[in-house]
């Protein structure tokens, strides 16, 4: 029984780690210098609609995020 509970807990942890933190994404996008708010807002909207791109964006360095925008 304990093993089953542990497996369920592990599955829940894995799912939560795989979730996109939209608030953190917004903060990272809006911190990028050299772009106006509208451009950054459009980039944020695009990333929210494309979860895999957003996850990749979150792992990039600040310089690579700027290049992406």
PDB file of N, CA and C in Angstrom:
ATOM      1  N   UNK A   1       0.819  -1.194   0.000  1.00  0.00           N
ATOM      2  CA  UNK A   1       0.000   0.000   0.000  1.00  0.00           C
ATOM      3  C   UNK A   1       0.868   1.264   0.000  1.00  0.00           C
ATOM      4  N   UNK A   2       1.934   1.241   0.811  1.00  0.00           N
ATOM      5  CA  UNK A   2       2.814   2.397   0.880  1.00  0.00           C
ATOM      6  C   UNK A   2       3.428   2.697  -0.479  1.00  0.00           C
ATOM      7  N   UNK A   3       3.821   1.649  -1.208  1.00  0.00           N
ATOM      8  CA  UNK A   3       4.432   1.844  -2.529  1.00  0.00           C
ATOM      9  C   UNK A   3       3.454   2.530  -3.482  1.00  0.00           C
ATOM     10  N   UNK A   4       2.204   2.164  -3.439  1.00  0.00           N
ATOM     11  CA  UNK A   4       1.199   2.788  -4.304  1.00  0.00           C
ATOM     12  C   UNK A   4       1.028   4.270  -3.966  1.00  0.00           C
ATOM     13  N   UNK A   5       0.988   4.584  -2.688  1.00  0.00           N
ATOM     14  CA  UNK A   5       0.856   5.982  -2.266  1.00  0.00           C
ATOM     15  C   UNK A   5       2.084   6.771  -2.697  1.00  0.00           C
ATOM     16  N   UNK A   6       3.253   6.182  -2.530  1.00  0.00           N
ATOM     17  CA  UNK A   6       4.491   6.841  -2.944  1.00  0.00           C
ATOM     18  C   UNK A   6       4.501   7.074  -4.454  1.00  0.00           C
ATOM     19  N   UNK A   7       4.034   6.088  -5.229  1.00  0.00           N
ATOM     20  CA  UNK A   7       3.973   6.237  -6.689  1.00  0.00           C
ATOM     21  C   UNK A   7       3.026   7.356  -7.102  1.00  0.00           C
ATOM     22  N   UNK A   8       1.903   7.452  -6.425  1.00  0.00           N
ATOM     23  CA  UNK A   8       0.941   8.523  -6.720  1.00  0.00           C
ATOM     24  C   UNK A   8       1.556   9.876  -6.368  1.00  0.00           C
ATOM     25  N   UNK A   9       2.225   9.966  -5.242  1.00  0.00           N
ATOM     26  CA  UNK A   9       2.866  11.222  -4.838  1.00  0.00           C
ATOM     27  C   UNK A   9       3.938  11.618  -5.847  1.00  0.00           C
ATOM     28  N   UNK A  10       4.701  10.653  -6.321  1.00  0.00           N
ATOM     29  CA  UNK A  10       5.737  10.934  -7.316  1.00  0.00           C
ATOM     30  C   UNK A  10       5.105  11.430  -8.621  1.00  0.00           C
ATOM     31  N   UNK A  11       4.011  10.817  -9.032  1.00  0.00           N
ATOM     32  CA  UNK A  11       3.326  11.238 -10.256  1.00  0.00           C
ATOM     33  C   UNK A  11       2.805  12.665 -10.125  1.00  0.00           C
ATOM     34  N   UNK A  12       2.267  13.006  -8.968  1.00  0.00           N
ATOM     35  CA  UNK A  12       1.765  14.360  -8.745  1.00  0.00           C
ATOM     36  C   UNK A  12       2.920  15.364  -8.772  1.00  0.00           C
ATOM     37  N   UNK A  13       4.041  15.013  -8.158  1.00  0.00           N
ATOM     38  CA  UNK A  13       5.212  15.891  -8.179  1.00  0.00           C
ATOM     39  C   UNK A  13       5.704  16.103  -9.600  1.00  0.00           C
ATOM     40  N   UNK A  14       5.735  15.048 -10.384  1.00  0.00           N
ATOM     41  CA  UNK A  14       6.188  15.154 -11.770  1.00  0.00           C
ATOM     42  C   UNK A  14       5.293  16.074 -12.576  1.00  0.00           C
ATOM     43  N   UNK A  15       3.995  15.968 -12.368  1.00  0.00           N
ATOM     44  CA  UNK A  15       3.055  16.836 -13.076  1.00  0.00           C
ATOM     45  C   UNK A  15       3.234  18.284 -12.669  1.00  0.00           C
ATOM     46  N   UNK A  16       3.420  18.529 -11.377  1.00  0.00           N
ATOM     47  CA  UNK A  16       3.555  19.915 -10.927  1.00  0.00           C
ATOM     48  C   UNK A  16       4.855  20.530 -11.424  1.00  0.00           C
ATOM     49  N   UNK A  17       5.917  19.766 -11.557  1.00  0.00           N
ATOM     50  CA  UNK A  17       7.175  20.279 -12.087  1.00  0.00           C
ATOM     51  C   UNK A  17       7.060  20.610 -13.565  1.00  0.00           C
ATOM     52  N   UNK A  18       6.154  19.949 -14.241  1.00  0.00           N
ATOM     53  CA  UNK A  18       5.985  20.130 -15.677  1.00  0.00           C
ATOM     54  C   UNK A  18       5.037  21.283 -16.008  1.00  0.00           C
ATOM     55  N   UNK A  19       4.444  21.893 -15.006  1.00  0.00           N
ATOM     56  CA  UNK A  19       3.495  22.979 -15.229  1.00  0.00           C
ATOM     57  C   UNK A  19       4.226  24.280 -15.555  1.00  0.00           C
ATOM     58  N   UNK A  20       3.622  25.054 -16.395  1.00  0.00           N
ATOM     59  CA  UNK A  20       4.165  26.354 -16.757  1.00  0.00           C
ATOM     60  C   UNK A  20       3.697  27.389 -15.742  1.00  0.00           C
ATOM     61  N   UNK A  21       4.627  28.094 -15.133  1.00  0.00           N
ATOM     62  CA  UNK A  21       4.305  29.161 -14.192  1.00  0.00           C
ATOM     63  C   UNK A  21       4.140  30.441 -15.013  1.00  0.00           C
ATOM     64  N   UNK A  22       2.901  30.775 -15.322  1.00  0.00           N
ATOM     65  CA  UNK A  22       2.602  31.908 -16.198  1.00  0.00           C
ATOM     66  C   UNK A  22       3.063  33.220 -15.568  1.00  0.00           C
ATOM     67  N   UNK A  23       2.955  33.337 -14.263  1.00  0.00           N
ATOM     68  CA  UNK A  23       3.401  34.563 -13.594  1.00  0.00           C
ATOM     69  C   UNK A  23       4.905  34.753 -13.734  1.00  0.00           C
ATOM     70  N   UNK A  24       5.660  33.679 -13.544  1.00  0.00           N
ATOM     71  CA  UNK A  24       7.113  33.753 -13.692  1.00  0.00           C
ATOM     72  C   UNK A  24       7.495  34.036 -15.146  1.00  0.00           C
ATOM     73  N   UNK A  25       6.768  33.440 -16.076  1.00  0.00           N
ATOM     74  CA  UNK A  25       6.998  33.706 -17.496  1.00  0.00           C
ATOM     75  C   UNK A  25       6.788  35.184 -17.799  1.00  0.00           C
ATOM     76  N   UNK A  26       5.704  35.750 -17.291  1.00  0.00           N
ATOM     77  CA  UNK A  26       5.407  37.163 -17.517  1.00  0.00           C
ATOM     78  C   UNK A  26       6.538  38.047 -16.985  1.00  0.00           C
ATOM     79  N   UNK A  27       6.998  37.730 -15.787  1.00  0.00           N
ATOM     80  CA  UNK A  27       8.083  38.521 -15.181  1.00  0.00           C
ATOM     81  C   UNK A  27       9.334  38.465 -16.049  1.00  0.00           C
ATOM     82  N   UNK A  28       9.697  37.268 -16.499  1.00  0.00           N
ATOM     83  CA  UNK A  28      10.908  37.133 -17.317  1.00  0.00           C
ATOM     84  C   UNK A  28      10.776  37.850 -18.653  1.00  0.00           C
ATOM     85  N   UNK A  29       9.612  37.757 -19.271  1.00  0.00           N
ATOM     86  CA  UNK A  29       9.414  38.428 -20.560  1.00  0.00           C
ATOM     87  C   UNK A  29       9.474  39.940 -20.381  1.00  0.00           C
ATOM     88  N   UNK A  30       8.788  40.453 -19.386  1.00  0.00           N
ATOM     89  CA  UNK A  30       8.700  41.900 -19.209  1.00  0.00           C
ATOM     90  C   UNK A  30      10.011  42.529 -18.728  1.00  0.00           C
ATOM     91  N   UNK A  31      10.951  41.723 -18.238  1.00  0.00           N
ATOM     92  CA  UNK A  31      12.259  42.225 -17.803  1.00  0.00           C
ATOM     93  C   UNK A  31      13.213  42.473 -18.980  1.00  0.00           C
ATOM     94  N   UNK A  32      12.882  41.964 -20.143  1.00  0.00           N
ATOM     95  CA  UNK A  32      13.783  42.072 -21.289  1.00  0.00           C
ATOM     96  C   UNK A  32      13.874  43.530 -21.716  1.00  0.00           C
ATOM     97  N   UNK A  33      15.094  44.024 -21.783  1.00  0.00           N
ATOM     98  CA  UNK A  33      15.319  45.429 -22.136  1.00  0.00           C
ATOM     99  C   UNK A  33      15.426  45.598 -23.650  1.00  0.00           C
ATOM    100  N   UNK A  34      15.078  46.800 -24.108  1.00  0.00           N
ATOM    101  CA  UNK A  34      15.230  47.130 -25.512  1.00  0.00           C
ATOM    102  C   UNK A  34      13.974  46.949 -26.348  1.00  0.00           C
ATOM    103  N   UNK A  35      12.869  46.567 -25.709  1.00  0.00           N
ATOM    104  CA  UNK A  35      11.607  46.378 -26.424  1.00  0.00           C
ATOM    105  C   UNK A  35      10.502  47.139 -25.713  1.00  0.00           C
ATOM    106  N   UNK A  36       9.512  47.591 -26.484  1.00  0.00           N
ATOM    107  CA  UNK A  36       8.389  48.283 -25.857  1.00  0.00           C
ATOM    108  C   UNK A  36       7.429  47.268 -25.232  1.00  0.00           C
ATOM    109  N   UNK A  37       6.542  47.781 -24.398  1.00  0.00           N
ATOM    110  CA  UNK A  37       5.618  46.930 -23.655  1.00  0.00           C
ATOM    111  C   UNK A  37       4.698  46.125 -24.577  1.00  0.00           C
ATOM    112  N   UNK A  38       4.285  46.719 -25.685  1.00  0.00           N
ATOM    113  CA  UNK A  38       3.393  46.016 -26.622  1.00  0.00           C
ATOM    114  C   UNK A  38       4.099  44.815 -27.237  1.00  0.00           C
ATOM    115  N   UNK A  39       5.347  44.989 -27.653  1.00  0.00           N
ATOM    116  CA  UNK A  39       6.112  43.883 -28.236  1.00  0.00           C
ATOM    117  C   UNK A  39       6.296  42.768 -27.219  1.00  0.00           C
ATOM    118  N   UNK A  40       6.642  43.134 -25.998  1.00  0.00           N
ATOM    119  CA  UNK A  40       6.832  42.126 -24.956  1.00  0.00           C
ATOM    120  C   UNK A  40       5.509  41.437 -24.618  1.00  0.00           C
ATOM    121  N   UNK A  41       4.441  42.190 -24.604  1.00  0.00           N
ATOM    122  CA  UNK A  41       3.125  41.600 -24.361  1.00  0.00           C
ATOM    123  C   UNK A  41       2.748  40.608 -25.440  1.00  0.00           C
ATOM    124  N   UNK A  42       3.042  40.934 -26.687  1.00  0.00           N
ATOM    125  CA  UNK A  42       2.770  40.003 -27.786  1.00  0.00           C
ATOM    126  C   UNK A  42       3.620  38.740 -27.656  1.00  0.00           C
ATOM    127  N   UNK A  43       4.888  38.914 -27.275  1.00  0.00           N
ATOM    128  CA  UNK A  43       5.768  37.752 -27.080  1.00  0.00           C
ATOM    129  C   UNK A  43       5.229  36.870 -25.958  1.00  0.00           C
ATOM    130  N   UNK A  44       4.789  37.492 -24.883  1.00  0.00           N
ATOM    131  CA  UNK A  44       4.206  36.738 -23.761  1.00  0.00           C
ATOM    132  C   UNK A  44       2.971  35.965 -24.211  1.00  0.00           C
ATOM    133  N   UNK A  45       2.068  36.625 -24.922  1.00  0.00           N
ATOM    134  CA  UNK A  45       0.858  35.957 -25.402  1.00  0.00           C
ATOM    135  C   UNK A  45       1.200  34.764 -26.291  1.00  0.00           C
ATOM    136  N   UNK A  46       2.176  34.944 -27.157  1.00  0.00           N
ATOM    137  CA  UNK A  46       2.602  33.857 -28.045  1.00  0.00           C
ATOM    138  C   UNK A  46       3.137  32.674 -27.230  1.00  0.00           C
ATOM    139  N   UNK A  47       3.944  32.966 -26.223  1.00  0.00           N
ATOM    140  CA  UNK A  47       4.509  31.899 -25.403  1.00  0.00           C
ATOM    141  C   UNK A  47       3.438  31.166 -24.603  1.00  0.00           C
ATOM    142  N   UNK A  48       2.478  31.905 -24.080  1.00  0.00           N
ATOM    143  CA  UNK A  48       1.403  31.268 -23.305  1.00  0.00           C
ATOM    144  C   UNK A  48       0.611  30.299 -24.194  1.00  0.00           C
ATOM    145  N   UNK A  49       0.442  30.661 -25.451  1.00  0.00           N
ATOM    146  CA  UNK A  49      -0.300  29.802 -26.378  1.00  0.00           C
ATOM    147  C   UNK A  49       0.530  28.609 -26.858  1.00  0.00           C
ATOM    148  N   UNK A  50       1.843  28.665 -26.673  1.00  0.00           N
ATOM    149  CA  UNK A  50       2.745  27.598 -27.117  1.00  0.00           C
ATOM    150  C   UNK A  50       3.576  27.126 -25.927  1.00  0.00           C
ATOM    151  N   UNK A  51       3.010  26.191 -25.182  1.00  0.00           N
ATOM    152  CA  UNK A  51       3.594  25.762 -23.908  1.00  0.00           C
ATOM    153  C   UNK A  51       5.037  25.254 -24.053  1.00  0.00           C
ATOM    154  N   UNK A  52       5.333  24.502 -25.088  1.00  0.00           N
ATOM    155  CA  UNK A  52       6.690  23.978 -25.260  1.00  0.00           C
ATOM    156  C   UNK A  52       7.687  25.110 -25.504  1.00  0.00           C
ATOM    157  N   UNK A  53       7.309  26.099 -26.299  1.00  0.00           N
ATOM    158  CA  UNK A  53       8.177  27.255 -26.519  1.00  0.00           C
ATOM    159  C   UNK A  53       8.387  28.021 -25.213  1.00  0.00           C
ATOM    160  N   UNK A  54       7.329  28.145 -24.437  1.00  0.00           N
ATOM    161  CA  UNK A  54       7.417  28.865 -23.168  1.00  0.00           C
ATOM    162  C   UNK A  54       8.375  28.166 -22.211  1.00  0.00           C
ATOM    163  N   UNK A  55       8.301  26.851 -22.154  1.00  0.00           N
ATOM    164  CA  UNK A  55       9.200  26.104 -21.270  1.00  0.00           C
ATOM    165  C   UNK A  55      10.647  26.270 -21.720  1.00  0.00           C
ATOM    166  N   UNK A  56      10.881  26.221 -23.022  1.00  0.00           N
ATOM    167  CA  UNK A  56      12.229  26.420 -23.539  1.00  0.00           C
ATOM    168  C   UNK A  56      12.701  27.843 -23.236  1.00  0.00           C
ATOM    169  N   UNK A  57      11.830  28.813 -23.417  1.00  0.00           N
ATOM    170  CA  UNK A  57      12.151  30.216 -23.138  1.00  0.00           C
ATOM    171  C   UNK A  57      12.587  30.389 -21.686  1.00  0.00           C
ATOM    172  N   UNK A  58      11.884  29.737 -20.776  1.00  0.00           N
ATOM    173  CA  UNK A  58      12.182  29.867 -19.350  1.00  0.00           C
ATOM    174  C   UNK A  58      13.560  29.312 -18.994  1.00  0.00           C
ATOM    175  N   UNK A  59      14.056  28.370 -19.753  1.00  0.00           N
ATOM    176  CA  UNK A  59      15.352  27.768 -19.431  1.00  0.00           C
ATOM    177  C   UNK A  59      16.522  28.535 -20.037  1.00  0.00           C
ATOM    178  N   UNK A  60      16.251  29.422 -20.980  1.00  0.00           N
ATOM    179  CA  UNK A  60      17.318  30.160 -21.652  1.00  0.00           C
ATOM    180  C   UNK A  60      17.906  31.248 -20.763  1.00  0.00           C
ATOM    181  N   UNK A  61      19.116  31.654 -21.098  1.00  0.00           N
ATOM    182  CA  UNK A  61      19.749  32.773 -20.405  1.00  0.00           C
ATOM    183  C   UNK A  61      19.037  34.067 -20.816  1.00  0.00           C
ATOM    184  N   UNK A  62      19.285  35.121 -20.060  1.00  0.00           N
ATOM    185  CA  UNK A  62      18.667  36.417 -20.366  1.00  0.00           C
ATOM    186  C   UNK A  62      19.028  36.875 -21.775  1.00  0.00           C
ATOM    187  N   UNK A  63      20.268  36.672 -22.182  1.00  0.00           N
ATOM    188  CA  UNK A  63      20.693  37.076 -23.520  1.00  0.00           C
ATOM    189  C   UNK A  63      19.959  36.287 -24.609  1.00  0.00           C
ATOM    190  N   UNK A  64      19.813  34.993 -24.425  1.00  0.00           N
ATOM    191  CA  UNK A  64      19.089  34.184 -25.416  1.00  0.00           C
ATOM    192  C   UNK A  64      17.604  34.523 -25.455  1.00  0.00           C
ATOM    193  N   UNK A  65      17.032  34.877 -24.301  1.00  0.00           N
ATOM    194  CA  UNK A  65      15.623  35.298 -24.293  1.00  0.00           C
ATOM    195  C   UNK A  65      15.468  36.592 -25.086  1.00  0.00           C
ATOM    196  N   UNK A  66      16.407  37.517 -24.935  1.00  0.00           N
ATOM    197  CA  UNK A  66      16.355  38.784 -25.667  1.00  0.00           C
ATOM    198  C   UNK A  66      16.446  38.530 -27.169  1.00  0.00           C
ATOM    199  N   UNK A  67      17.340  37.645 -27.561  1.00  0.00           N
ATOM    200  CA  UNK A  67      17.479  37.297 -28.994  1.00  0.00           C
ATOM    201  C   UNK A  67      16.189  36.683 -29.522  1.00  0.00           C
ATOM    202  N   UNK A  68      15.545  35.843 -28.709  1.00  0.00           N
ATOM    203  CA  UNK A  68      14.316  35.192 -29.139  1.00  0.00           C
ATOM    204  C   UNK A  68      13.219  36.206 -29.438  1.00  0.00           C
ATOM    205  N   UNK A  69      13.103  37.238 -28.586  1.00  0.00           N
ATOM    206  CA  UNK A  69      12.074  38.262 -28.795  1.00  0.00           C
ATOM    207  C   UNK A  69      12.394  39.016 -30.053  1.00  0.00           C
TER     208      UNK A  69
END
